[in-house]
Protein backbone atom coordinates (compact mmCIF):
# COMPACT_ATOMS: atom_id res chain seq x y z
CA MET A 1 -40.66 -24.60 24.85
CA ASP A 2 -38.68 -24.54 21.23
CA LEU A 3 -37.44 -21.21 22.47
CA SER A 4 -35.47 -19.87 25.14
CA ILE A 5 -34.87 -15.79 24.79
CA LEU A 6 -31.94 -14.69 26.89
CA ILE A 7 -31.90 -10.99 28.39
CA PRO A 8 -29.07 -9.93 30.36
CA ALA A 9 -30.08 -6.55 31.98
CA LYS A 10 -28.55 -4.05 34.03
CA ASN A 11 -29.54 -0.63 34.66
CA GLU A 12 -32.09 -1.04 31.34
CA GLU A 13 -34.42 1.68 30.95
CA PHE A 14 -36.07 -0.35 28.06
CA LEU A 15 -36.55 -3.32 29.55
CA GLY A 16 -40.31 -3.78 29.49
CA LYS A 17 -40.59 -2.26 26.67
CA THR A 18 -38.64 -4.87 24.80
CA VAL A 19 -40.00 -8.24 27.09
CA GLU A 20 -43.15 -6.67 25.92
CA ASP A 21 -42.64 -6.08 22.19
CA ILE A 22 -41.17 -10.24 22.72
CA LEU A 23 -44.76 -11.31 23.47
CA ALA A 24 -46.03 -9.36 21.33
CA ASN A 25 -44.81 -10.92 18.33
CA ILE A 26 -43.83 -14.38 19.26
CA GLU A 27 -45.97 -16.70 17.79
CA GLY A 28 -44.71 -20.48 18.46
CA LYS A 29 -43.52 -22.34 21.88
CA THR A 30 -41.28 -19.33 23.04
CA GLU A 31 -40.57 -17.97 26.80
CA VAL A 32 -38.07 -15.00 27.84
CA ILE A 33 -35.39 -15.68 30.43
CA VAL A 34 -34.78 -12.43 32.09
CA VAL A 35 -31.39 -11.44 34.16
CA LEU A 36 -32.00 -8.42 36.60
CA ASP A 37 -28.33 -8.23 36.94
CA GLY A 38 -27.29 -5.70 39.69
CA TYR A 39 -30.21 -2.82 39.17
CA GLU A 40 -29.20 0.21 40.81
CA THR A 41 -31.54 2.18 39.20
CA ALA A 42 -35.88 1.23 39.43
CA VAL A 43 -36.58 -1.86 37.97
CA PRO A 44 -39.00 -1.16 34.55
CA THR A 45 -41.96 -3.12 35.32
CA ILE A 46 -41.91 -6.21 33.41
CA PRO A 47 -45.26 -8.20 32.31
CA ASN A 48 -46.44 -10.44 34.28
CA ASP A 49 -47.19 -13.48 32.09
CA PRO A 50 -46.62 -17.57 32.26
CA ARG A 51 -43.75 -17.22 29.35
CA VAL A 52 -41.30 -14.86 31.40
CA ARG A 53 -39.31 -15.77 33.66
CA ILE A 54 -36.95 -13.51 36.37
CA ILE A 55 -33.91 -14.03 37.79
CA GLU A 56 -32.84 -11.52 40.25
CA ASN A 57 -29.06 -10.87 41.29
CA LYS A 58 -28.68 -8.29 44.10
CA VAL A 59 -25.26 -7.91 42.70
CA SER A 60 -23.86 -7.97 39.23
CA SER A 61 -22.60 -10.95 37.15
CA GLY A 62 -21.68 -9.34 34.34
CA GLN A 63 -23.24 -9.56 30.95
CA ARG A 64 -21.86 -12.92 29.79
CA ALA A 65 -22.08 -14.16 33.30
CA ALA A 66 -26.15 -13.29 33.55
CA THR A 67 -26.15 -14.22 29.76
CA ASN A 68 -25.57 -17.92 31.44
CA GLU A 69 -27.51 -18.03 34.85
CA ALA A 70 -30.83 -17.40 31.77
CA CYS A 71 -29.33 -20.95 29.70
CA ARG A 72 -28.83 -22.95 32.42
CA LEU A 73 -32.47 -22.45 32.68
CA SER A 74 -34.03 -23.19 29.77
CA LYS A 75 -34.90 -26.34 28.77
CA ALA A 76 -35.93 -25.64 25.08
CA LYS A 77 -33.80 -26.42 21.96
CA TYR A 78 -33.39 -23.42 20.88
CA VAL A 79 -31.77 -20.03 22.73
CA MET A 80 -31.79 -16.19 21.61
CA LYS A 81 -29.43 -13.80 23.49
CA CYS A 82 -31.20 -10.57 22.61
CA ASP A 83 -30.52 -6.83 24.34
CA ALA A 84 -32.92 -5.31 26.68
CA HIS A 85 -33.91 -2.38 24.24
CA CYS A 86 -34.87 -4.54 20.80
CA ALA A 87 -38.36 -5.01 18.95
CA PHE A 88 -39.17 -8.03 16.95
CA ASP A 89 -40.66 -8.77 13.96
CA ARG A 90 -44.29 -10.23 14.04
CA GLY A 91 -43.64 -14.22 14.62
CA PHE A 92 -39.85 -13.44 14.13
CA ASP A 93 -39.47 -16.64 16.58
CA VAL A 94 -41.17 -19.22 14.08
CA LYS A 95 -39.18 -17.71 10.95
CA MET A 96 -36.32 -18.33 12.69
CA MET A 97 -36.71 -21.48 13.97
CA ARG A 98 -37.91 -22.83 10.62
CA LYS A 99 -34.79 -22.09 8.29
CA MET A 100 -32.09 -23.50 12.02
CA LYS A 101 -29.71 -25.71 11.17
CA ASP A 102 -28.05 -27.54 14.58
CA ASP A 103 -24.36 -26.24 13.56
CA TRP A 104 -25.94 -22.46 12.79
CA THR A 105 -25.52 -19.09 14.37
CA MET A 106 -28.38 -17.28 13.26
CA ALA A 107 -29.36 -14.25 13.47
CA PRO A 108 -32.29 -11.54 11.88
CA VAL A 109 -31.99 -8.70 9.80
CA MET A 110 -30.57 -5.55 11.63
CA ARG A 111 -32.72 -2.86 11.66
CA ASN A 112 -31.99 0.76 13.63
CA LEU A 113 -34.69 1.19 16.39
CA HIS A 114 -36.00 4.39 17.25
CA VAL A 115 -37.44 4.31 20.68
CA PHE A 116 -37.85 7.86 22.15
CA ASN A 117 -38.18 11.86 20.80
CA TRP A 118 -37.60 14.50 23.36
CA VAL A 119 -41.13 16.60 22.91
CA CYS A 120 -41.61 20.19 24.74
CA GLU A 121 -45.34 21.62 25.71
CA ASP A 122 -44.90 23.63 22.36
CA GLY A 123 -45.25 20.42 20.39
CA HIS A 124 -41.04 20.40 18.99
CA THR A 125 -39.66 17.52 18.60
CA ARG A 126 -36.40 16.26 18.79
CA TYR A 127 -34.84 13.03 17.76
CA GLN A 128 -33.57 10.80 20.94
CA SER A 129 -30.98 12.38 22.21
CA PRO A 130 -29.03 13.39 25.40
CA SER A 131 -31.72 15.24 28.33
CA GLY A 132 -31.92 18.71 28.16
CA PRO A 133 -34.18 21.28 27.59
CA CYS A 134 -36.16 22.06 24.03
CA ASN A 135 -33.28 23.53 21.24
CA ASP A 136 -36.20 25.38 19.70
CA CYS A 137 -37.49 27.06 22.64
CA GLY A 138 -35.43 26.58 26.16
CA LYS A 139 -38.63 24.95 27.37
CA THR A 140 -38.33 21.31 29.41
CA THR A 141 -38.70 18.25 27.47
CA ARG A 142 -40.00 14.81 28.07
CA LYS A 143 -39.53 11.44 26.62
CA ASP A 144 -42.27 10.68 24.47
CA ILE A 145 -41.49 6.78 23.35
CA VAL A 146 -42.66 5.64 19.58
CA TRP A 147 -40.44 2.41 19.48
CA ILE A 148 -40.37 2.77 15.86
CA PRO A 149 -37.69 -0.25 13.76
CA LYS A 150 -36.05 1.67 10.98
CA THR A 151 -36.93 0.28 7.41
CA ASN A 152 -33.17 1.75 6.32
CA PRO A 153 -30.98 0.89 7.04
CA GLN A 154 -30.41 -2.71 7.43
CA SER A 155 -27.69 -4.72 7.93
CA VAL A 156 -26.81 -7.86 7.28
CA SER A 157 -23.40 -8.52 7.33
CA TYR A 158 -20.55 -7.81 9.92
CA CYS A 159 -17.14 -8.77 9.96
CA PHE A 160 -13.80 -8.01 12.19
CA ASP A 161 -10.19 -6.26 11.44
CA SER A 162 -6.65 -7.28 12.54
CA GLU A 163 -7.26 -5.83 16.12
CA PRO A 164 -9.79 -7.38 16.31
CA HIS A 165 -12.51 -5.40 16.09
CA PHE A 166 -15.98 -5.09 15.03
CA GLN A 167 -17.26 -3.73 11.67
CA TYR A 168 -20.03 -3.36 9.32
CA PHE A 169 -18.89 -5.40 5.72
CA ASN A 170 -21.21 -3.54 3.19
CA HIS A 171 -19.01 -4.14 0.60
CA PHE A 172 -19.92 -8.31 0.26
CA LYS A 173 -23.74 -7.30 -0.52
CA LYS A 174 -21.92 -5.95 -4.12
CA ARG A 175 -20.75 -10.31 -4.05
CA SER A 176 -22.36 -12.70 -6.63
CA GLU A 177 -22.40 -15.39 -3.73
CA TYR A 178 -24.46 -12.98 -1.33
CA LYS A 179 -26.85 -12.17 -3.99
CA LYS A 180 -27.47 -15.51 -5.00
CA ASP A 181 -28.01 -16.94 -1.54
CA LEU A 182 -29.95 -13.92 -1.71
CA GLU A 183 -32.44 -14.71 -4.33
CA GLU A 184 -32.65 -18.09 -4.38
CA LYS A 185 -32.71 -18.94 -0.14
CA GLY A 186 -33.16 -15.80 1.82
CA ILE A 187 -29.91 -16.49 3.88
CA THR A 188 -26.85 -14.94 3.71
CA GLU A 189 -23.28 -15.91 5.17
CA SER A 190 -21.73 -13.41 7.57
CA MET A 191 -17.70 -13.11 8.23
CA SER A 192 -19.14 -12.03 12.20
CA LEU A 193 -21.59 -11.00 13.63
CA GLN A 194 -22.96 -7.47 15.96
CA GLY A 195 -23.91 -9.36 19.45
CA SER A 196 -27.07 -7.42 20.30
CA CYS A 197 -29.08 -10.34 19.12
CA PHE A 198 -28.48 -14.04 17.90
CA MET A 199 -29.96 -17.71 17.77
CA LEU A 200 -28.43 -20.83 17.73
CA THR A 201 -29.56 -24.48 19.70
CA ARG A 202 -28.90 -24.53 23.07
CA ASP A 203 -26.30 -27.58 23.14
CA LYS A 204 -24.33 -26.13 20.66
CA TYR A 205 -24.31 -23.05 23.12
CA TRP A 206 -22.70 -24.68 25.68
CA GLU A 207 -21.03 -27.23 23.29
CA LEU A 208 -18.84 -23.70 22.58
CA ASN A 209 -18.76 -21.99 25.29
CA ILE A 210 -20.68 -19.20 23.85
CA CYS A 211 -20.50 -17.07 26.78
CA ASP A 212 -16.30 -17.51 28.22
CA GLU A 213 -16.93 -15.67 31.42
CA THR A 214 -12.64 -15.69 31.07
CA LEU A 215 -13.37 -12.47 28.53
CA GLY A 216 -15.32 -10.20 30.97
CA SER A 217 -18.38 -8.96 31.56
CA TRP A 218 -19.20 -8.05 27.79
CA GLY A 219 -16.96 -6.81 25.01
CA SER A 220 -15.85 -8.50 21.65
CA GLN A 221 -18.77 -11.11 21.92
CA GLY A 222 -19.85 -11.36 18.62
CA ILE A 223 -16.09 -11.76 17.27
CA GLU A 224 -16.33 -14.86 19.45
CA VAL A 225 -19.59 -16.32 18.62
CA ALA A 226 -18.70 -15.94 15.24
CA CYS A 227 -15.46 -17.35 15.22
CA LYS A 228 -16.58 -20.58 17.31
CA THR A 229 -19.34 -21.09 14.79
CA TRP A 230 -17.03 -20.98 12.10
CA LEU A 231 -13.97 -22.60 13.42
CA SER A 232 -15.87 -25.17 14.70
CA GLY A 233 -17.03 -25.80 11.14
CA GLY A 234 -20.69 -24.08 11.79
CA CYS A 235 -21.68 -21.24 9.26
CA VAL A 236 -22.88 -17.85 10.88
CA MET A 237 -26.34 -16.51 8.67
CA VAL A 238 -29.11 -13.85 8.67
CA ASN A 239 -32.07 -14.82 7.79
CA HIS A 240 -33.73 -12.16 6.00
CA HIS A 241 -37.19 -13.72 5.86
CA THR A 242 -36.83 -11.79 9.48
CA TRP A 243 -36.04 -8.66 11.12
CA TYR A 244 -35.17 -6.72 14.51
CA GLY A 245 -34.65 -3.27 15.68
CA HIS A 246 -31.92 -2.23 17.80
CA MET A 247 -31.54 0.42 20.04
CA PHE A 248 -27.75 1.95 19.66
CA ARG A 249 -26.43 3.46 22.72
CA THR A 250 -24.31 5.70 20.97
CA GLN A 251 -27.91 7.25 19.51
CA GLY A 252 -29.33 7.61 23.06
CA GLY A 253 -27.73 10.74 24.67
CA ASP A 254 -28.52 9.56 28.05
CA PHE A 255 -29.01 5.76 27.28
CA GLY A 256 -25.25 4.96 27.99
CA PHE A 257 -23.65 1.53 28.75
CA PRO A 258 -24.58 0.45 32.39
CA TYR A 259 -21.89 -2.66 32.18
CA VAL A 260 -18.36 -0.57 33.49
CA ASN A 261 -15.67 -1.49 31.27
CA PRO A 262 -13.27 0.61 31.00
CA GLY A 263 -10.11 0.09 28.74
CA SER A 264 -8.47 -2.30 30.42
CA LYS A 265 -10.99 -4.61 30.19
CA VAL A 266 -11.60 -4.27 26.63
CA GLU A 267 -8.08 -4.59 25.48
CA HIS A 268 -8.29 -7.48 27.58
CA ALA A 269 -11.01 -9.03 25.52
CA LYS A 270 -9.44 -8.51 22.14
CA ARG A 271 -5.93 -10.06 23.47
CA THR A 272 -7.50 -13.03 24.68
CA VAL A 273 -9.79 -13.51 21.64
CA ARG A 274 -6.22 -12.60 19.62
CA GLU A 275 -4.63 -15.12 21.77
CA ILE A 276 -7.25 -18.42 20.86
CA PHE A 277 -8.49 -17.54 17.48
CA PHE A 278 -5.72 -15.43 15.86
CA ASP A 279 -3.01 -18.27 16.98
CA ASN A 280 -5.29 -21.20 16.58
CA LYS A 281 -5.31 -22.21 20.41
CA TRP A 282 -8.94 -22.42 21.06
CA GLU A 283 -9.22 -26.12 21.46
CA GLY A 284 -12.83 -26.32 20.14
CA GLN A 285 -11.49 -25.51 16.17
CA ILE A 286 -11.25 -27.91 13.17
CA ARG A 287 -10.74 -25.16 11.06
CA PRO A 288 -7.91 -21.91 11.11
CA LEU A 289 -8.86 -18.80 11.41
CA SER A 290 -6.99 -18.31 7.69
CA TRP A 291 -10.07 -20.35 6.43
CA LEU A 292 -12.48 -17.75 7.48
CA LEU A 293 -10.51 -14.80 6.43
CA GLU A 294 -9.73 -16.62 2.62
CA LYS A 295 -13.74 -17.30 2.43
CA PHE A 296 -14.86 -13.90 2.71
CA TRP A 297 -11.34 -12.11 1.42
CA PRO A 298 -10.96 -9.52 1.11
CA VAL A 299 -11.94 -8.22 4.66
CA PRO A 300 -11.60 -4.60 5.22
CA GLY A 301 -8.84 -3.80 8.15
CA TRP A 302 -7.15 -6.63 7.16
CA SER A 303 -4.07 -6.80 4.83
CA GLU A 304 -2.16 -9.49 2.48
CA GLU A 305 0.70 -8.96 4.98
CA GLN A 306 -1.66 -9.73 7.97
CA LEU A 307 -3.80 -12.65 6.01
CA ALA A 308 0.45 -14.11 5.49
CA MET A 309 0.98 -14.09 9.29
CA ILE A 310 -2.24 -15.39 10.42
CA LYS A 311 -1.54 -18.44 7.57
CA ALA A 312 1.12 -19.07 8.93
CA TRP A 313 -0.06 -20.66 12.07
CA PRO A 314 -1.65 -24.55 11.64
CA LEU A 315 -3.98 -25.62 13.58
CA GLN A 316 -2.83 -27.23 16.65
CA SER A 317 -4.78 -29.85 18.63
CA LYS A 318 -3.90 -28.83 22.44
CA GLU A 319 -4.39 -32.06 23.76
CA LYS A 320 -2.00 -33.95 20.64
CA ILE A 321 0.71 -31.46 21.41
CA GLU A 322 0.61 -31.51 24.97
CA LYS A 323 1.12 -35.44 24.37
CA GLN A 324 3.90 -35.22 22.05
CA THR A 325 7.52 -35.29 23.45
CA ALA A 326 10.37 -33.04 21.55
CA GLY A 327 13.64 -32.97 21.02
CA VAL A 328 16.65 -31.14 19.58
CA VAL A 329 18.78 -32.43 16.46
CA TYR A 330 21.65 -30.09 16.51
CA TYR A 331 24.29 -30.04 13.37
CA THR A 332 27.44 -28.65 13.05
CA ASP A 333 31.17 -28.78 10.44
CA ASN A 334 32.91 -27.46 14.01
CA ARG A 335 34.01 -24.60 11.46
CA LEU A 336 31.98 -21.62 13.35
CA ASP A 337 33.70 -18.89 15.46
CA GLU A 338 33.66 -20.20 19.05
CA LYS A 339 31.82 -16.97 20.23
CA ILE A 340 28.78 -17.40 18.00
CA MET A 341 28.67 -21.12 18.47
CA LYS A 342 28.44 -20.75 22.24
CA GLN A 343 25.58 -18.06 22.41
CA CYS A 344 23.36 -20.18 19.87
CA GLN A 345 23.78 -23.02 22.15
CA VAL A 346 22.93 -21.40 24.64
CA GLN A 347 19.94 -20.06 23.59
CA ILE A 348 18.77 -23.96 22.65
CA ALA A 349 19.57 -25.17 25.85
CA LYS A 350 17.32 -22.96 27.38
CA SER A 351 13.97 -24.67 25.32
CA ARG A 352 15.35 -27.65 28.23
CA LEU A 353 14.48 -29.85 25.73
CA PRO A 354 16.45 -33.08 24.73
CA ILE A 355 19.43 -32.43 22.28
CA MET A 356 21.02 -34.39 20.13
CA SER A 357 24.18 -32.83 18.53
CA VAL A 358 26.37 -34.63 15.45
CA SER A 359 29.44 -33.47 14.65
CA LEU A 360 32.31 -33.62 12.84
CA LYS A 361 34.51 -33.50 15.82
CA PRO A 362 33.81 -34.19 19.78
CA ILE A 363 32.09 -31.26 21.11
CA ASP A 364 30.30 -30.65 24.44
CA PHE A 365 26.20 -30.10 24.09
CA GLY A 366 23.89 -32.54 24.86
CA GLU A 367 24.22 -36.27 24.33
CA ASN A 368 27.32 -36.15 21.38
CA VAL A 369 28.10 -37.93 17.84
CA VAL A 370 30.96 -37.61 15.93
CA LEU A 371 30.56 -38.18 11.91
CA PRO A 372 34.06 -37.69 11.05
CA LEU A 373 33.36 -36.87 7.69
CA GLU A 374 34.60 -34.05 5.10
CA ARG A 375 31.85 -30.87 5.02
CA GLY A 376 28.99 -31.46 2.32
CA PRO A 377 25.84 -30.87 1.74
CA LEU A 378 25.61 -34.81 2.25
CA THR A 379 27.31 -35.22 5.27
CA MET A 380 25.15 -32.30 6.69
CA PHE A 381 22.24 -34.98 5.47
CA LYS A 382 24.13 -37.81 7.30
CA GLN A 383 23.88 -36.03 10.07
CA ILE A 384 21.00 -35.09 10.11
CA LEU A 385 19.44 -38.91 9.92
CA ALA A 386 21.94 -39.83 12.43
CA GLY A 387 20.64 -37.24 14.95
CA LEU A 388 17.18 -38.34 14.60
CA GLU A 389 17.70 -41.66 14.43
CA ARG A 390 19.77 -42.16 18.10
CA ILE A 391 17.16 -39.46 19.65
CA LYS A 392 13.92 -41.03 21.09
CA THR A 393 10.79 -38.40 20.76
CA ASP A 394 7.62 -37.72 19.25
CA ALA A 395 8.64 -34.79 17.27
CA VAL A 396 12.00 -32.70 16.12
CA PHE A 397 13.57 -29.63 16.14
CA LEU A 398 16.42 -29.02 13.32
CA CYS A 399 19.01 -26.96 14.97
CA GLU A 400 21.62 -25.26 12.75
CA HIS A 401 24.92 -24.18 15.04
CA ASP A 402 24.48 -20.44 13.60
CA VAL A 403 21.35 -19.26 14.57
CA LEU A 404 19.87 -18.46 17.27
CA TYR A 405 16.97 -19.85 18.87
CA HIS A 406 14.34 -17.99 20.83
CA PRO A 407 12.28 -20.42 23.64
CA THR A 408 8.85 -19.96 21.66
CA HIS A 409 9.97 -21.28 18.80
CA PHE A 410 10.16 -24.60 20.74
CA GLN A 411 6.54 -24.37 21.87
CA PHE A 412 5.44 -25.59 18.81
CA ARG A 413 4.72 -29.35 18.15
CA PRO A 414 3.14 -30.51 14.90
CA PRO A 415 -0.65 -30.64 14.25
CA ARG A 416 -0.09 -33.69 11.56
CA LYS A 417 3.21 -36.66 11.35
CA ASP A 418 2.92 -35.38 7.46
CA ILE A 419 3.64 -32.55 7.21
CA TYR A 420 6.80 -30.07 7.20
CA TYR A 421 6.27 -27.28 9.54
CA TYR A 422 8.76 -24.27 9.39
CA ASN A 423 8.87 -21.02 11.67
CA MET A 424 8.81 -18.39 9.06
CA ASN A 425 9.57 -15.59 12.32
CA ASN A 426 13.02 -15.50 10.74
CA TRP A 427 15.96 -13.52 10.75
CA GLN A 428 19.06 -13.34 8.83
CA LEU A 429 21.51 -10.69 10.75
CA ARG A 430 24.64 -9.31 8.88
CA THR A 431 27.75 -10.18 11.76
CA ASN A 432 29.57 -7.44 10.33
CA ASP A 433 27.11 -3.84 10.61
CA GLY A 434 24.47 -5.70 12.69
CA HIS A 435 21.99 -5.51 9.57
CA ALA A 436 18.91 -7.07 9.30
CA VAL A 437 16.59 -8.52 6.90
CA TYR A 438 13.28 -10.83 6.72
CA PHE A 439 11.14 -12.35 3.75
CA ASP A 440 8.73 -14.86 3.81
CA CYS A 441 10.69 -18.38 2.90
CA LYS A 442 10.82 -21.61 5.23
CA LYS A 443 14.94 -22.28 5.99
CA LEU A 444 15.95 -25.84 6.78
CA SER A 445 17.77 -24.20 10.34
CA GLN A 446 13.24 -23.72 11.31
CA LEU A 447 12.00 -27.30 10.19
CA CYS A 448 10.31 -28.94 12.89
CA ALA A 449 7.96 -32.54 12.33
CA ASP A 450 7.03 -35.89 13.42
CA ARG A 451 10.54 -37.69 13.77
CA LYS A 452 9.65 -40.99 11.98
CA PHE A 453 8.50 -38.70 9.02
CA LEU A 454 11.94 -37.14 9.23
CA ILE A 455 13.88 -40.20 8.86
CA GLU A 456 12.12 -41.72 6.41
CA HIS A 457 12.49 -38.44 4.06
CA TYR A 458 15.81 -38.21 5.10
CA LYS A 459 17.18 -41.97 4.10
CA LYS A 460 15.40 -41.15 0.17
CA ARG A 461 17.13 -38.17 0.12
CA ILE A 462 20.83 -39.53 1.16
CA ALA A 463 19.75 -42.92 -0.70
CA LEU A 464 19.60 -40.05 -4.47
CA ILE A 465 22.78 -38.28 -3.64
CA GLU A 466 24.71 -41.36 -3.27
CA ALA A 467 23.05 -43.06 -6.51
CA ASN A 468 22.74 -39.27 -8.41
CA GLY A 469 24.80 -36.70 -6.81
CA PHE A 470 23.56 -33.60 -5.33
CA SER A 471 22.30 -31.41 -6.97
CA ARG A 472 20.41 -27.77 -5.68
CA ARG A 473 17.77 -28.37 -7.76
CA MET A 474 16.79 -31.15 -4.73
CA GLY A 475 16.82 -28.61 -2.14
CA PHE A 476 17.73 -28.15 1.62
CA GLU A 477 14.37 -27.90 2.94
CA PRO A 478 11.91 -30.74 2.25
CA GLY A 479 8.14 -30.04 0.62
CA THR A 480 8.91 -26.38 -0.56
CA HIS A 481 9.07 -27.29 -4.15
CA GLY A 482 7.43 -29.42 -6.80
CA ARG A 483 10.50 -30.08 -9.15
CA PRO A 484 11.17 -33.21 -10.44
CA GLU A 485 14.48 -33.61 -8.27
CA ARG A 486 12.25 -33.34 -5.09
CA VAL A 487 12.85 -36.40 -2.93
CA ASP A 488 8.62 -36.50 -2.13
CA ALA A 489 5.62 -35.01 -2.61
CA PHE A 490 4.94 -34.35 0.89
CA LYS A 491 3.58 -30.84 1.66
CA ALA A 492 5.53 -27.68 3.69
CA GLU A 493 3.42 -25.74 6.57
CA GLY A 494 4.22 -22.45 7.97
CA TRP A 495 4.06 -21.25 11.02
CA ARG A 496 4.95 -18.44 13.43
CA SER A 497 6.63 -18.50 16.80
CA GLU A 498 6.19 -15.01 19.11
CA PHE A 499 9.30 -13.78 19.31
CA PRO A 500 11.91 -14.47 16.38
CA ASN A 501 14.75 -16.40 15.67
CA VAL A 502 18.01 -15.02 14.08
CA ASP A 503 20.37 -16.15 11.41
CA ILE A 504 23.64 -15.18 11.70
CA LYS A 505 25.23 -14.49 8.22
CA HIS A 506 29.30 -14.70 9.59
CA GLY A 507 30.78 -15.33 5.79
CA ARG A 508 31.20 -19.42 6.73
CA ASN A 509 27.59 -20.51 6.29
CA MET A 510 27.28 -23.35 3.57
CA THR A 511 24.14 -21.10 1.52
CA GLU A 512 25.28 -17.36 0.58
CA ALA A 513 23.06 -14.87 1.90
CA ARG A 514 21.21 -12.66 0.28
CA TRP A 515 20.87 -8.41 1.42
CA SER A 516 18.66 -7.20 -1.29
CA GLN A 517 15.32 -7.81 -3.19
CA SER A 518 17.07 -7.46 -6.75
CA GLU A 519 19.26 -10.47 -5.50
CA PHE A 520 15.86 -12.77 -5.91
CA ARG A 521 15.10 -14.18 -9.49
CA SER A 522 11.66 -14.09 -8.69
CA GLN A 523 9.95 -11.65 -6.39
CA ASN A 524 7.83 -14.34 -4.89
CA SER A 525 10.60 -15.52 -3.25
CA CYS A 526 11.37 -12.70 -0.89
CA ARG A 527 7.29 -11.11 -0.41
CA ASN A 528 7.04 -9.36 2.89
CA TRP A 529 10.78 -7.79 2.76
CA LYS A 530 11.37 -6.01 5.74
CA GLU A 531 15.22 -4.13 6.55
CA ALA A 532 16.05 -2.76 9.75
CA ASP A 533 18.64 -2.43 12.49
CA GLU A 534 17.30 -3.62 15.43
CA ILE A 535 15.24 -7.06 16.01
CA TYR A 536 11.89 -7.47 18.13
CA GLY A 537 12.51 -9.28 21.01
CA TRP A 538 16.61 -9.42 20.93
CA GLY A 539 17.28 -5.56 20.19
CA LYS A 540 19.53 -3.08 18.14
CA GLY A 541 21.06 -5.73 15.24
CA ASP A 542 25.08 -4.85 16.74
CA THR A 543 23.92 -5.70 20.00
CA ILE A 544 22.82 -9.00 19.15
CA ILE A 545 26.08 -11.04 19.18
CA ILE A 546 28.37 -10.69 22.47
């Protein structure tokens, strides 16, 4: 067989009709594998045909698990998962396979399937809806199967919002790239999928773990399939040369959802999708989710702010991260109020990472190095370099003495060795009244990068200052500007910890704090400005410093 059609079914009234329809319209070497997944109602008659194979589960395993059961029986090059209430175009299987590529997931154009009417003895007809007497005469009605795939509307583009929640993406059809692909190829891209019918190679199905059973029985499947396809380097396509008709449960009245899926499990699926795709933690991806959003931007249900937050998560390889060692280089000028300093040190110690402290006077924190120098930018850079040269970890967090670091800050590991990474989830707190401010910025106190990479940077930085003096045009943060005074041309990227860090503003900071947007010459320097008297994960601003 070239194609196996996988149908997970529990208490599906129209399963037999769906299989009949498939057999009547396939033209290639195609088979149907049905999973009767714990039927509690009468099993519909399924055609006795050598192209049909049936698995019967006495107890339901769940829609994703049942689909996996069916796929394990397949030896075909391609598999197509479809719902048990669908109709198909003549030759849809051949039309799909003819246009397929090995790294694609493809869906036909989706039509609404008009399955039945309620008809009374007087001939009054009511479109598929809840059972009951005739609306016109009150007489008993019977179910009349019509099985008509409507030609309008037709769905060809889908997306998901920030919840994430499936959405139709009708606006995309107006874009020039869509029109061009439709005219030239008859195949268009889609950000996401409606999970009732999609096709891909069997090898890719298993490689991507298309039906991940940890997400639950069903829910968020179209998003799961689309994200795995796009983010692994593939494409999600809609084939306009063919179609399928799908009956929506909301149209069917008595035709409800056979798989019990309470709100808690639906939320579990959404939360898992957010955790693995939104934070770029899925092991199979080579693209970040921000790439997908920007490819289809603007996307309904996403704000510019939400896009910026997603972009702040770099692509991370779990395998590489687990192999990386990390440590802390802590630097202080010994002029900070003792109460604030101790509280900040306690937070850093929670990281359980090796700590190399570099101070101007001896302190009891980690392994301590003393540089008997005068406070200033050059001294601070020399402190950082001294710490970098003495600690022996792969990656290093630069930690300032007046920042409260949340433990989630230290879970990050740099995906690349030639990029400066900054935690963008950072609030500044005014100690005299507990007022807090957030805006998008890359601060030295939030920097994490490869240790050897940082050593080379700070050697160059110190040499430049010793030769030419320090200019603020050089900046404090590596990689954050392109002015001629920069030390090198390596790039900086942002990321976000689950909970924010808190930068304490106490009057003796190296740089002056700004508390209103009007203090910035460019509003691009304070994007996503927020003010609050409480910081998420920390509490009321006036209670954070005890």
